[in-house]
N, C-alpha and C. Protein backbone atom coordinates (compact mmCIF):
# COMPACT_ATOMS: atom_id res chain seq x y z
N MET A 1 -3.09 -7.36 -5.85
CA MET A 1 -3.04 -8.21 -4.74
C MET A 1 -3.85 -9.66 -5.22
N ARG A 2 -5.11 -9.28 -5.61
CA ARG A 2 -5.98 -10.22 -6.06
C ARG A 2 -5.06 -11.53 -6.98
N PHE A 3 -4.60 -11.06 -7.84
CA PHE A 3 -3.66 -12.35 -8.71
C PHE A 3 -2.73 -13.11 -7.52
N LEU A 4 -2.19 -12.03 -6.47
CA LEU A 4 -1.64 -13.18 -5.30
C LEU A 4 -2.13 -13.79 -4.61
N ARG A 5 -3.31 -13.44 -4.03
CA ARG A 5 -4.01 -14.28 -3.57
C ARG A 5 -4.62 -15.44 -4.54
N ILE A 6 -5.48 -15.63 -5.31
CA ILE A 6 -5.26 -16.23 -6.50
C ILE A 6 -4.30 -17.34 -6.27
N THR A 7 -2.90 -16.99 -6.35
CA THR A 7 -1.76 -17.67 -6.72
C THR A 7 -1.45 -18.49 -5.56
N ALA A 8 -2.12 -17.87 -4.06
CA ALA A 8 -1.40 -18.28 -2.82
C ALA A 8 -2.51 -19.63 -2.72
N VAL A 9 -3.67 -19.68 -2.72
CA VAL A 9 -4.55 -20.41 -2.75
C VAL A 9 -3.89 -21.90 -3.50
N LEU A 10 -4.11 -21.61 -5.16
CA LEU A 10 -3.48 -22.83 -5.70
C LEU A 10 -2.33 -22.91 -5.70
N PHE A 11 -1.59 -22.62 -5.41
CA PHE A 11 -0.65 -23.29 -4.21
C PHE A 11 -0.92 -24.12 -3.18
N SER A 12 -1.74 -24.11 -2.70
CA SER A 12 -2.07 -24.22 -1.18
C SER A 12 -2.46 -25.45 -1.51
N VAL A 13 -3.56 -25.62 -2.66
CA VAL A 13 -4.10 -26.79 -3.13
C VAL A 13 -3.20 -27.89 -3.67
N VAL A 14 -2.43 -27.28 -4.40
CA VAL A 14 -1.36 -28.06 -5.00
C VAL A 14 -0.32 -29.22 -4.02
N PHE A 15 0.27 -27.88 -2.79
CA PHE A 15 1.13 -28.57 -1.66
C PHE A 15 -0.05 -30.15 -0.94
N LEU A 16 -1.26 -29.62 -1.30
CA LEU A 16 -2.12 -30.69 0.19
C LEU A 16 -2.31 -31.73 -0.58
N LEU A 17 -2.36 -31.66 -2.31
CA LEU A 17 -3.06 -32.63 -2.88
C LEU A 17 -1.13 -33.65 -3.04
N SER A 18 -0.27 -32.99 -3.31
CA SER A 18 0.72 -33.26 -3.59
C SER A 18 1.28 -34.55 -1.87
N ALA A 19 0.53 -33.86 -1.19
CA ALA A 19 1.07 -34.10 0.00
C ALA A 19 0.18 -35.52 0.56
N THR A 20 -0.90 -35.74 0.03
CA THR A 20 -2.09 -36.11 0.02
C THR A 20 -2.04 -37.57 -0.60
N ASN A 21 -1.23 -37.04 -2.13
CA ASN A 21 -0.92 -38.07 -2.89
C ASN A 21 0.75 -39.06 -2.88
N LYS A 22 1.08 -38.85 -1.92
CA LYS A 22 2.45 -38.87 -1.13
C LYS A 22 2.89 -40.88 -0.85
N LYS A 23 3.06 -41.17 -1.82
CA LYS A 23 3.35 -42.22 -1.15
C LYS A 23 4.84 -43.08 -0.68
N PRO A 24 4.26 -44.04 0.63
CA PRO A 24 5.36 -44.46 1.19
C PRO A 24 6.53 -45.05 0.26
N LYS A 25 8.08 -44.39 1.00
CA LYS A 25 9.26 -44.91 0.25
C LYS A 25 10.02 -45.50 0.48
N TRP A 26 10.73 -46.41 -0.20
CA TRP A 26 11.75 -47.68 0.38
C TRP A 26 13.25 -46.90 1.04
N VAL A 27 13.54 -47.05 1.95
CA VAL A 27 14.59 -47.28 3.20
C VAL A 27 15.34 -48.04 3.50
N SER A 28 16.62 -47.87 3.25
CA SER A 28 17.73 -48.71 3.29
C SER A 28 18.15 -48.63 4.78
N LEU A 29 18.07 -50.12 4.97
CA LEU A 29 18.32 -50.02 6.95
C LEU A 29 19.77 -50.27 6.57
N PHE A 30 20.63 -50.64 5.48
CA PHE A 30 21.95 -51.39 5.41
C PHE A 30 22.78 -50.35 5.06
N ASP A 31 24.21 -49.44 5.57
CA ASP A 31 24.72 -48.40 4.48
C ASP A 31 25.64 -49.27 3.53
N GLY A 32 25.53 -50.76 3.58
CA GLY A 32 26.67 -51.73 2.81
C GLY A 32 27.91 -51.57 2.82
N LYS A 33 28.47 -51.08 4.44
CA LYS A 33 29.89 -50.87 4.78
C LYS A 33 30.12 -50.57 6.72
N THR A 34 29.08 -50.21 6.92
CA THR A 34 28.95 -50.20 8.77
C THR A 34 27.69 -51.58 9.13
N LEU A 35 27.83 -51.15 10.55
CA LEU A 35 26.98 -52.04 11.14
C LEU A 35 25.94 -50.64 11.85
N ASN A 36 26.18 -49.36 11.39
CA ASN A 36 25.29 -48.27 12.17
C ASN A 36 23.95 -48.46 11.79
N GLY A 37 23.34 -48.05 13.04
CA GLY A 37 22.01 -48.55 12.90
C GLY A 37 21.42 -50.02 13.42
N TRP A 38 22.30 -50.58 14.10
CA TRP A 38 22.70 -52.34 14.07
C TRP A 38 22.96 -52.15 15.78
N LYS A 39 22.08 -53.09 16.07
CA LYS A 39 22.40 -53.60 17.86
C LYS A 39 22.85 -55.08 18.06
N VAL A 40 23.29 -55.39 18.51
CA VAL A 40 23.38 -56.47 19.05
C VAL A 40 24.16 -56.84 20.21
N GLY A 41 23.67 -58.00 21.00
CA GLY A 41 24.49 -58.04 22.68
C GLY A 41 24.98 -58.68 22.89
N SER A 42 25.26 -60.25 23.41
CA SER A 42 26.32 -61.12 23.21
C SER A 42 26.81 -61.47 21.76
N ASN A 43 27.97 -61.97 21.63
CA ASN A 43 28.70 -62.93 20.96
C ASN A 43 28.72 -61.72 19.14
N PRO A 44 29.23 -60.25 19.44
CA PRO A 44 29.02 -59.84 18.58
C PRO A 44 30.08 -60.10 17.43
N GLU A 45 30.85 -60.63 17.55
CA GLU A 45 31.95 -61.51 16.28
C GLU A 45 31.30 -62.16 15.53
N THR A 46 30.15 -62.75 15.86
CA THR A 46 29.12 -62.88 15.11
C THR A 46 28.79 -62.18 13.64
N PHE A 47 29.23 -61.15 13.43
CA PHE A 47 28.34 -60.13 12.71
C PHE A 47 29.56 -59.35 12.41
N LYS A 48 29.81 -59.12 10.68
CA LYS A 48 30.57 -58.21 10.14
C LYS A 48 30.57 -58.25 8.66
N VAL A 49 30.87 -56.85 8.22
CA VAL A 49 30.86 -56.33 7.26
C VAL A 49 31.99 -56.95 5.91
N GLU A 50 31.11 -57.48 5.00
CA GLU A 50 32.46 -57.59 4.11
C GLU A 50 31.98 -57.29 2.60
N ASP A 51 32.25 -56.67 1.82
CA ASP A 51 32.26 -56.30 0.11
C ASP A 51 30.67 -56.07 0.15
N GLY A 52 30.12 -55.19 0.94
CA GLY A 52 28.89 -54.51 0.81
C GLY A 52 27.89 -55.22 1.34
N ALA A 53 28.15 -56.65 2.07
CA ALA A 53 27.24 -57.61 2.63
C ALA A 53 27.48 -57.72 4.41
N ILE A 54 26.51 -57.57 5.28
CA ILE A 54 26.66 -58.80 6.91
C ILE A 54 26.60 -59.98 6.24
N VAL A 55 28.20 -60.34 6.56
CA VAL A 55 28.09 -61.75 6.89
C VAL A 55 28.09 -62.19 8.63
N VAL A 56 27.20 -63.17 8.34
CA VAL A 56 26.43 -63.83 9.87
C VAL A 56 27.13 -65.35 9.79
N ASN A 57 28.21 -65.58 10.72
CA ASN A 57 29.23 -66.71 10.97
C ASN A 57 29.62 -66.76 12.29
N GLY A 58 29.45 -67.68 13.38
CA GLY A 58 29.79 -67.71 14.71
C GLY A 58 28.77 -68.11 15.49
N LYS A 59 28.98 -68.10 16.94
CA LYS A 59 27.74 -68.29 18.09
C LYS A 59 26.79 -67.71 17.85
N VAL A 60 25.62 -68.07 18.18
CA VAL A 60 24.39 -67.58 18.67
C VAL A 60 24.24 -66.19 19.11
N ALA A 61 23.70 -65.45 18.68
CA ALA A 61 23.63 -63.96 18.36
C ALA A 61 22.39 -63.10 17.43
N HIS A 62 22.09 -62.62 18.01
CA HIS A 62 21.05 -61.91 16.70
C HIS A 62 21.41 -60.16 16.97
N LEU A 63 21.54 -59.67 15.31
CA LEU A 63 21.60 -58.14 15.21
C LEU A 63 20.35 -58.03 15.15
N PHE A 64 19.73 -56.07 15.59
CA PHE A 64 18.25 -55.71 15.99
C PHE A 64 18.74 -54.60 14.71
N TYR A 65 17.51 -54.02 14.52
CA TYR A 65 17.78 -52.47 13.48
C TYR A 65 17.26 -52.02 14.72
N ASP A 66 18.22 -50.87 15.08
CA ASP A 66 18.15 -49.92 15.84
C ASP A 66 18.27 -48.46 15.39
N GLY A 67 17.77 -48.04 14.44
CA GLY A 67 18.39 -47.01 13.54
C GLY A 67 17.09 -46.18 13.94
N LYS A 68 17.28 -44.49 12.72
CA LYS A 68 16.07 -44.04 12.67
C LYS A 68 15.00 -44.13 12.05
N ALA A 69 14.86 -45.33 11.14
CA ALA A 69 13.70 -45.60 10.48
C ALA A 69 12.69 -45.71 11.27
N GLY A 70 11.64 -45.10 10.91
CA GLY A 70 10.79 -45.47 12.01
C GLY A 70 10.45 -45.61 13.65
N ASN A 71 11.72 -44.65 13.95
CA ASN A 71 12.19 -45.17 15.36
C ASN A 71 12.02 -46.14 15.67
N HIS A 72 12.80 -47.61 14.61
CA HIS A 72 12.87 -49.17 14.77
C HIS A 72 11.89 -49.43 15.82
N ASP A 73 10.65 -49.26 15.45
CA ASP A 73 9.24 -49.73 15.70
C ASP A 73 8.42 -49.69 14.68
N PHE A 74 8.38 -51.46 13.86
CA PHE A 74 7.38 -50.93 12.84
C PHE A 74 6.15 -51.99 12.75
N LYS A 75 4.63 -51.74 12.63
CA LYS A 75 3.99 -52.62 12.30
C LYS A 75 3.49 -53.17 11.05
N ASN A 76 3.13 -51.90 10.28
CA ASN A 76 2.65 -52.54 8.99
C ASN A 76 3.89 -51.92 7.86
N PHE A 77 4.53 -52.66 7.19
CA PHE A 77 5.68 -52.45 6.39
C PHE A 77 5.65 -53.79 5.42
N GLU A 78 6.67 -53.57 4.89
CA GLU A 78 7.40 -54.64 3.73
C GLU A 78 8.56 -54.15 3.77
N LEU A 79 9.39 -55.68 3.91
CA LEU A 79 10.79 -55.91 3.79
C LEU A 79 11.32 -56.46 3.24
N LYS A 80 12.33 -56.24 2.24
CA LYS A 80 13.31 -56.79 1.02
C LYS A 80 14.90 -56.87 1.82
N LEU A 81 15.45 -58.26 1.58
CA LEU A 81 16.29 -58.24 1.70
C LEU A 81 17.33 -59.38 0.76
N ASP A 82 18.18 -59.06 0.24
CA ASP A 82 18.70 -59.96 -0.43
C ASP A 82 19.53 -61.01 0.19
N ILE A 83 19.50 -62.67 0.24
CA ILE A 83 20.29 -62.99 0.94
C ILE A 83 20.85 -64.14 0.41
N MET A 84 22.17 -64.78 0.63
CA MET A 84 22.98 -65.82 0.11
C MET A 84 23.34 -66.72 1.28
N THR A 85 22.87 -68.45 1.35
CA THR A 85 23.31 -69.10 2.11
C THR A 85 24.42 -69.83 1.58
N MET A 86 25.23 -70.71 2.82
CA MET A 86 26.31 -71.49 2.32
C MET A 86 25.60 -72.64 2.94
N PRO A 87 26.48 -74.07 1.89
CA PRO A 87 25.70 -75.11 2.10
C PRO A 87 25.80 -76.12 3.89
N GLY A 88 24.49 -76.05 4.78
CA GLY A 88 24.63 -76.19 5.93
C GLY A 88 24.23 -75.27 7.17
N SER A 89 23.86 -74.40 6.16
CA SER A 89 23.43 -73.29 7.24
C SER A 89 22.05 -72.77 7.49
N ASN A 90 22.07 -72.42 8.55
CA ASN A 90 20.86 -71.66 9.38
C ASN A 90 20.92 -70.11 9.96
N SER A 91 19.81 -69.50 9.53
CA SER A 91 19.63 -68.12 9.68
C SER A 91 18.24 -67.38 10.04
N GLY A 92 17.83 -66.70 10.16
CA GLY A 92 16.58 -66.23 10.40
C GLY A 92 16.11 -64.61 10.13
N VAL A 93 15.40 -64.17 10.13
CA VAL A 93 14.70 -62.58 9.36
C VAL A 93 13.70 -62.54 10.68
N TYR A 94 13.86 -62.20 11.58
CA TYR A 94 12.75 -61.91 12.96
C TYR A 94 12.25 -60.38 12.52
N ILE A 95 10.75 -60.24 12.72
CA ILE A 95 9.65 -59.71 12.75
C ILE A 95 8.98 -59.01 13.46
N HIS A 96 8.80 -57.90 14.05
CA HIS A 96 8.21 -57.37 15.22
C HIS A 96 8.69 -57.61 16.65
N THR A 97 10.05 -57.84 16.68
CA THR A 97 10.77 -58.22 17.91
C THR A 97 11.18 -56.92 18.33
N GLN A 98 12.19 -57.29 19.65
CA GLN A 98 12.43 -55.91 20.56
C GLN A 98 13.64 -56.82 21.21
N TYR A 99 15.26 -55.78 21.20
CA TYR A 99 16.63 -56.31 21.74
C TYR A 99 16.48 -56.82 22.98
N GLN A 100 17.17 -58.09 22.41
CA GLN A 100 17.57 -58.99 23.76
C GLN A 100 18.38 -59.13 23.93
N GLU A 101 19.42 -59.20 25.10
CA GLU A 101 21.05 -59.34 25.23
C GLU A 101 21.23 -60.30 24.90
N SER A 102 20.92 -61.66 24.70
CA SER A 102 21.41 -62.80 24.51
C SER A 102 20.06 -64.16 24.24
N SER A 103 20.58 -65.16 24.16
CA SER A 103 19.54 -66.23 23.33
C SER A 103 18.38 -65.68 22.11
N TRP A 104 17.55 -66.60 21.94
CA TRP A 104 16.34 -66.51 20.88
C TRP A 104 15.90 -65.27 21.22
N PRO A 105 15.29 -64.46 20.61
CA PRO A 105 14.56 -63.67 20.75
C PRO A 105 13.05 -63.91 21.43
N LYS A 106 12.35 -63.83 22.09
CA LYS A 106 11.15 -64.51 22.90
C LYS A 106 10.38 -63.76 21.93
N LYS A 107 10.01 -61.98 21.33
CA LYS A 107 9.15 -61.45 20.87
C LYS A 107 9.42 -61.56 18.95
N GLY A 108 7.67 -61.22 18.84
CA GLY A 108 8.02 -61.51 16.84
C GLY A 108 8.28 -63.28 16.36
N TYR A 109 7.79 -62.56 14.91
CA TYR A 109 7.96 -64.12 14.34
C TYR A 109 9.26 -64.14 13.59
N GLU A 110 10.05 -65.68 13.68
CA GLU A 110 10.90 -65.69 12.70
C GLU A 110 10.92 -66.37 11.31
N VAL A 111 11.36 -65.40 10.60
CA VAL A 111 10.93 -65.97 9.39
C VAL A 111 12.03 -66.73 8.82
N GLN A 112 12.31 -68.14 8.08
CA GLN A 112 13.19 -68.72 8.35
C GLN A 112 14.24 -68.84 7.28
N VAL A 113 15.49 -68.96 7.19
CA VAL A 113 16.65 -68.81 6.68
C VAL A 113 17.22 -70.19 6.73
N ASN A 114 16.81 -71.10 5.47
CA ASN A 114 17.67 -72.56 5.70
C ASN A 114 17.29 -73.40 4.60
N ASN A 115 18.57 -73.51 3.63
CA ASN A 115 18.02 -73.90 2.43
C ASN A 115 18.91 -75.61 2.22
N SER A 116 19.48 -75.91 3.38
CA SER A 116 20.03 -77.48 3.70
C SER A 116 20.70 -77.79 4.39
N GLN A 117 20.35 -76.79 5.58
CA GLN A 117 20.97 -77.43 6.93
C GLN A 117 19.78 -78.63 7.89
N GLY A 118 20.35 -79.49 8.59
CA GLY A 118 19.10 -80.35 9.49
C GLY A 118 18.28 -80.33 9.61
N ASP A 119 17.75 -79.07 10.34
CA ASP A 119 16.30 -78.83 10.47
C ASP A 119 15.99 -78.85 9.51
N TRP A 120 14.73 -79.50 9.11
CA TRP A 120 13.84 -79.69 7.94
C TRP A 120 13.13 -78.67 7.62
N ARG A 121 12.83 -77.30 8.45
CA ARG A 121 12.20 -76.40 7.94
C ARG A 121 12.84 -75.29 7.38
N ARG A 122 12.20 -75.06 6.12
CA ARG A 122 13.01 -74.50 4.95
C ARG A 122 12.83 -72.80 4.84
N THR A 123 13.48 -72.38 4.49
CA THR A 123 13.67 -70.55 3.86
C THR A 123 11.95 -70.19 3.42
N GLY A 124 11.70 -68.99 4.06
CA GLY A 124 10.10 -68.17 3.54
C GLY A 124 8.88 -68.88 4.72
N GLY A 125 9.77 -69.96 5.58
CA GLY A 125 8.49 -70.01 5.93
C GLY A 125 8.32 -69.17 7.32
N LEU A 126 7.18 -69.36 8.05
CA LEU A 126 7.41 -68.83 9.30
C LEU A 126 7.47 -69.97 10.52
N TYR A 127 8.77 -69.15 11.27
CA TYR A 127 9.22 -70.87 12.22
C TYR A 127 8.13 -71.34 13.25
N ALA A 128 7.84 -72.82 13.04
CA ALA A 128 6.85 -73.78 13.82
C ALA A 128 5.27 -72.64 13.80
N VAL A 129 5.47 -71.91 12.90
CA VAL A 129 3.81 -71.36 12.65
C VAL A 129 3.38 -71.79 11.56
N GLN A 130 4.15 -71.62 10.55
CA GLN A 130 3.31 -71.92 9.30
C GLN A 130 5.12 -72.03 8.22
N ASP A 131 5.32 -73.38 8.50
CA ASP A 131 6.53 -73.93 7.74
C ASP A 131 6.46 -74.36 6.77
N ILE A 132 8.05 -73.83 5.66
CA ILE A 132 8.09 -74.56 4.27
C ILE A 132 8.89 -76.08 4.42
N LYS A 133 8.64 -77.26 3.63
CA LYS A 133 9.80 -78.43 3.72
C LYS A 133 9.95 -77.90 2.59
N GLU A 134 10.38 -77.51 1.70
CA GLU A 134 11.10 -77.66 -0.01
C GLU A 134 11.95 -76.12 0.24
N PRO A 135 13.13 -76.34 -0.07
CA PRO A 135 13.84 -74.94 -0.40
C PRO A 135 13.08 -74.18 -1.26
N PRO A 136 13.13 -72.91 -1.34
CA PRO A 136 12.53 -72.17 -2.47
C PRO A 136 13.98 -71.50 -3.34
N ALA A 137 15.45 -72.13 -2.57
CA ALA A 137 16.57 -71.49 -3.51
C ALA A 137 17.44 -72.26 -3.08
N LYS A 138 18.83 -71.92 -3.89
CA LYS A 138 19.82 -72.40 -3.87
C LYS A 138 21.17 -71.65 -2.66
N ASP A 139 21.70 -73.03 -2.01
CA ASP A 139 22.86 -72.08 -1.68
C ASP A 139 24.23 -71.78 -2.21
N ASN A 140 24.56 -70.93 -2.15
CA ASN A 140 25.81 -69.93 -2.91
C ASN A 140 24.98 -69.51 -3.93
N GLU A 141 24.22 -69.27 -3.99
CA GLU A 141 23.31 -68.34 -4.77
C GLU A 141 22.48 -66.78 -3.99
N TRP A 142 22.39 -65.87 -4.56
CA TRP A 142 21.47 -64.86 -3.82
C TRP A 142 20.36 -64.99 -4.57
N PHE A 143 19.35 -64.71 -3.51
CA PHE A 143 18.21 -64.89 -3.87
C PHE A 143 17.43 -63.28 -3.05
N THR A 144 16.46 -62.99 -3.09
CA THR A 144 15.58 -62.00 -2.56
C THR A 144 14.27 -62.23 -1.83
N MET A 145 14.02 -62.11 -0.54
CA MET A 145 13.33 -62.31 0.66
C MET A 145 12.05 -61.03 0.51
N HIS A 146 11.03 -60.95 0.28
CA HIS A 146 9.94 -60.18 0.46
C HIS A 146 9.16 -60.40 1.73
N ILE A 147 8.80 -59.70 2.46
CA ILE A 147 7.90 -60.19 3.78
C ILE A 147 6.81 -58.68 4.09
N VAL A 148 5.65 -59.02 3.89
CA VAL A 148 4.60 -57.44 3.73
C VAL A 148 3.80 -58.15 5.10
N VAL A 149 3.88 -57.38 5.98
CA VAL A 149 3.11 -57.05 7.22
C VAL A 149 2.21 -56.32 7.16
N LYS A 150 0.90 -56.73 7.33
CA LYS A 150 -0.33 -55.69 7.26
C LYS A 150 -1.58 -56.55 8.04
N ASN A 151 -1.53 -55.71 9.25
CA ASN A 151 -2.53 -55.74 10.40
C ASN A 151 -1.95 -56.87 10.83
N LYS A 152 -3.29 -58.06 10.59
CA LYS A 152 -2.61 -59.44 11.57
C LYS A 152 -2.32 -60.46 10.11
N ASN A 153 -1.91 -59.97 8.96
CA ASN A 153 -1.34 -60.82 7.76
C ASN A 153 0.36 -60.76 7.73
N ILE A 154 0.64 -61.98 7.44
CA ILE A 154 1.77 -62.07 6.86
C ILE A 154 2.02 -62.65 5.45
N LYS A 155 2.70 -61.96 4.98
CA LYS A 155 2.83 -62.38 3.27
C LYS A 155 4.34 -62.85 3.32
N VAL A 156 4.78 -63.98 2.48
CA VAL A 156 6.48 -63.93 2.49
C VAL A 156 6.54 -64.41 0.84
N SER A 157 7.85 -63.81 0.28
CA SER A 157 7.98 -64.60 -0.78
C SER A 157 9.74 -64.69 -1.21
N VAL A 158 9.82 -65.54 -1.84
CA VAL A 158 11.05 -65.80 -2.68
C VAL A 158 11.30 -65.61 -3.42
N ASN A 159 12.04 -64.70 -4.15
CA ASN A 159 12.12 -64.74 -5.60
C ASN A 159 10.73 -64.31 -6.41
N ASN A 160 10.25 -63.71 -6.03
CA ASN A 160 8.91 -63.37 -6.35
C ASN A 160 7.65 -64.93 -6.23
N LYS A 161 7.78 -65.39 -5.40
CA LYS A 161 7.00 -67.33 -5.95
C LYS A 161 6.70 -66.85 -4.09
N GLN A 162 5.20 -66.54 -3.53
CA GLN A 162 4.39 -66.47 -2.78
C GLN A 162 4.63 -67.57 -2.08
N LEU A 163 5.05 -67.77 -0.82
CA LEU A 163 5.27 -69.24 0.15
C LEU A 163 4.48 -69.15 1.10
N VAL A 164 4.61 -68.03 2.06
CA VAL A 164 3.05 -67.65 3.10
C VAL A 164 2.05 -67.14 3.17
N ASP A 165 1.05 -67.11 2.91
CA ASP A 165 0.05 -66.14 3.07
C ASP A 165 -0.87 -66.29 4.65
N TYR A 166 0.02 -66.11 5.77
CA TYR A 166 -0.94 -66.57 6.78
C TYR A 166 -1.77 -65.09 7.84
N THR A 167 -2.80 -65.64 8.38
CA THR A 167 -3.84 -64.77 9.07
C THR A 167 -3.55 -64.88 9.99
N GLU A 168 -2.68 -64.05 11.40
CA GLU A 168 -3.04 -64.95 13.03
C GLU A 168 -4.64 -64.75 13.49
N PRO A 169 -4.82 -65.79 14.00
CA PRO A 169 -6.40 -65.74 14.20
C PRO A 169 -6.56 -64.51 15.21
N GLU A 170 -7.65 -64.02 15.88
CA GLU A 170 -8.19 -63.12 16.52
C GLU A 170 -7.53 -63.92 18.23
N ASN A 171 -7.36 -63.45 19.01
CA ASN A 171 -7.07 -64.01 20.22
C ASN A 171 -5.96 -65.36 20.57
N ALA A 172 -5.31 -64.82 19.28
CA ALA A 172 -4.46 -66.50 19.01
C ALA A 172 -3.43 -66.60 20.77
N VAL A 173 -3.49 -67.70 20.60
CA VAL A 173 -2.86 -68.17 21.90
C VAL A 173 -1.46 -69.05 21.42
N ARG A 174 -0.48 -68.73 21.87
CA ARG A 174 0.96 -69.83 21.66
C ARG A 174 1.16 -70.67 22.59
N GLU A 175 1.39 -72.02 22.70
CA GLU A 175 1.76 -72.98 23.25
C GLU A 175 3.19 -72.68 24.17
N LYS A 176 3.34 -73.21 25.37
CA LYS A 176 4.26 -72.48 26.07
C LYS A 176 5.84 -72.56 25.22
N GLY A 177 6.45 -71.36 25.67
CA GLY A 177 7.57 -71.16 24.95
C GLY A 177 7.59 -70.44 23.33
N MET A 178 5.97 -70.26 23.06
CA MET A 178 5.85 -69.65 21.97
C MET A 178 5.47 -68.22 22.26
N GLU A 179 4.94 -68.30 22.92
CA GLU A 179 3.84 -66.86 23.46
C GLU A 179 4.24 -66.00 23.22
N GLY A 180 5.31 -65.52 22.75
CA GLY A 180 6.03 -63.87 22.26
C GLY A 180 5.20 -63.70 20.57
N ARG A 181 5.43 -65.23 20.05
CA ARG A 181 5.22 -65.18 18.55
C ARG A 181 3.44 -64.79 18.13
N LEU A 182 3.51 -63.34 18.60
CA LEU A 182 2.61 -62.59 17.88
C LEU A 182 2.57 -61.63 17.22
N LEU A 183 1.43 -60.77 16.43
CA LEU A 183 1.89 -59.62 15.74
C LEU A 183 1.25 -58.36 16.61
N SER A 184 2.37 -57.51 16.92
CA SER A 184 1.92 -56.53 17.41
C SER A 184 2.92 -55.33 17.07
N SER A 185 3.84 -54.77 17.12
CA SER A 185 5.00 -53.97 16.48
C SER A 185 6.38 -54.50 16.77
N GLY A 186 7.22 -53.38 16.16
CA GLY A 186 9.16 -54.08 17.04
C GLY A 186 9.42 -54.13 15.68
N THR A 187 10.99 -54.34 15.74
CA THR A 187 12.08 -54.14 14.70
C THR A 187 12.55 -55.16 14.15
N ILE A 188 13.14 -55.22 13.31
CA ILE A 188 13.76 -56.35 12.53
C ILE A 188 14.73 -57.01 13.34
N ALA A 189 15.70 -58.16 13.20
CA ALA A 189 16.65 -58.71 13.35
C ALA A 189 17.27 -59.92 12.45
N LEU A 190 18.24 -60.10 12.30
CA LEU A 190 19.11 -61.13 11.63
C LEU A 190 19.65 -62.17 12.52
N GLN A 191 19.53 -63.09 12.69
CA GLN A 191 19.57 -64.56 13.60
C GLN A 191 21.14 -65.11 13.02
N GLY A 192 22.45 -65.02 13.96
CA GLY A 192 23.47 -66.11 14.14
C GLY A 192 23.02 -67.40 14.82
N HIS A 193 22.90 -68.46 14.14
CA HIS A 193 22.83 -69.55 14.55
C HIS A 193 23.71 -70.70 15.46
N ASP A 194 24.78 -70.69 14.60
CA ASP A 194 26.11 -71.12 15.29
C ASP A 194 26.88 -71.24 14.20
N PRO A 195 28.02 -71.57 14.70
CA PRO A 195 30.05 -71.44 14.20
C PRO A 195 29.71 -72.01 12.92
N ASN A 196 28.59 -73.24 12.49
CA ASN A 196 28.65 -74.05 11.15
C ASN A 196 27.85 -73.42 10.33
N SER A 197 26.85 -72.47 10.62
CA SER A 197 26.26 -71.40 9.68
C SER A 197 26.74 -70.15 9.04
N LYS A 198 26.66 -70.10 7.65
CA LYS A 198 27.18 -68.75 7.14
C LYS A 198 26.34 -68.43 6.14
N VAL A 199 25.83 -67.19 6.23
CA VAL A 199 24.72 -66.84 5.76
C VAL A 199 24.82 -65.23 5.54
N LEU A 200 24.59 -64.31 4.21
CA LEU A 200 25.47 -63.21 4.02
C LEU A 200 23.85 -62.38 3.78
N TYR A 201 23.79 -61.08 4.04
CA TYR A 201 22.88 -60.57 4.16
C TYR A 201 22.78 -58.77 3.20
N LYS A 202 22.12 -58.47 2.36
CA LYS A 202 22.72 -56.87 1.73
C LYS A 202 21.49 -56.41 1.28
N ASN A 203 21.17 -55.50 0.62
CA ASN A 203 20.07 -54.55 -0.08
C ASN A 203 19.53 -54.43 0.75
N ILE A 204 18.95 -54.32 2.63
CA ILE A 204 18.07 -54.42 3.01
C ILE A 204 17.35 -53.28 2.80
N GLN A 205 15.83 -53.33 2.69
CA GLN A 205 15.08 -52.36 2.62
C GLN A 205 13.64 -52.35 3.01
N LEU A 206 13.10 -50.84 3.53
CA LEU A 206 12.03 -51.20 4.52
C LEU A 206 11.24 -50.07 4.11
N LYS A 207 9.89 -50.55 3.71
CA LYS A 207 9.01 -49.38 3.41
C LYS A 207 7.74 -49.22 4.18
N VAL A 208 7.51 -48.43 5.21
CA VAL A 208 6.31 -48.27 6.29
C VAL A 208 4.98 -48.13 5.58
N LEU A 209 4.33 -49.27 6.21
CA LEU A 209 2.39 -49.23 5.48
C LEU A 209 1.72 -48.47 6.17
N ASP A 210 0.69 -47.87 6.00
CA ASP A 210 -0.68 -47.44 6.42
C ASP A 210 -1.02 -48.30 7.37
C-alpha cells in the first residue's frame, strides 16, 4: 500500500509539472480544402479555395475566422500566414476585429498586404497607424507574414525581417473614422479589396499566448 501511495504521489507531481511546463501550440485555422470555420457577409464569391490556398478576388468583402480555436476571440497571440500577391493587388489581414456584414471592418488593426498596387502603403505596415513605404516582398512569390500581439504591442515581420514594432499609447484616441483602431481582443479577417486584386493565403496558423 505504501508503495502504491508513493507511486500515486510521484505520478501527480509529474502530471502537475508537465501541465505547468506545457507550451502553447500552433493551431491551423485553415484546413487547405474548405472555408469551414470562416464566415463572410456580403459578396461571398470573393473567396474560394484552390490548390490548398484561399484565393481572394472580387468585390469588397471580408472573411472572418469563426471557428473553434480560442472561440475565435484572441487577445495575445502569434499569427503566421503564407501570402502571394499578384501585380497591382491590395488586401489586408485584420486583427482584434469582429464580424461585419459589409463594408470595411470598423474594429481592430489592419496589417497591409500590398506590394505594387496604387496605394503607397505597403505590405507589413499597420494601415494608417505605422505604415511601410517600401515593399518587403515581390508579387508572384510566396512570402511569410508573422504577427505577434502581446498586451499593447504589435510586431510584424515578413520573411523574418521585422517591419513594425508598435506600442499603443495608454488612453489612445483615434481620429474620426479610425475610432476602432485600438487593441482589445477579437478574431482575424482577410480582406477582399477590389475585382482587380488577386491575393492567395495558405498555411494560416495561430498560437495563443498568455
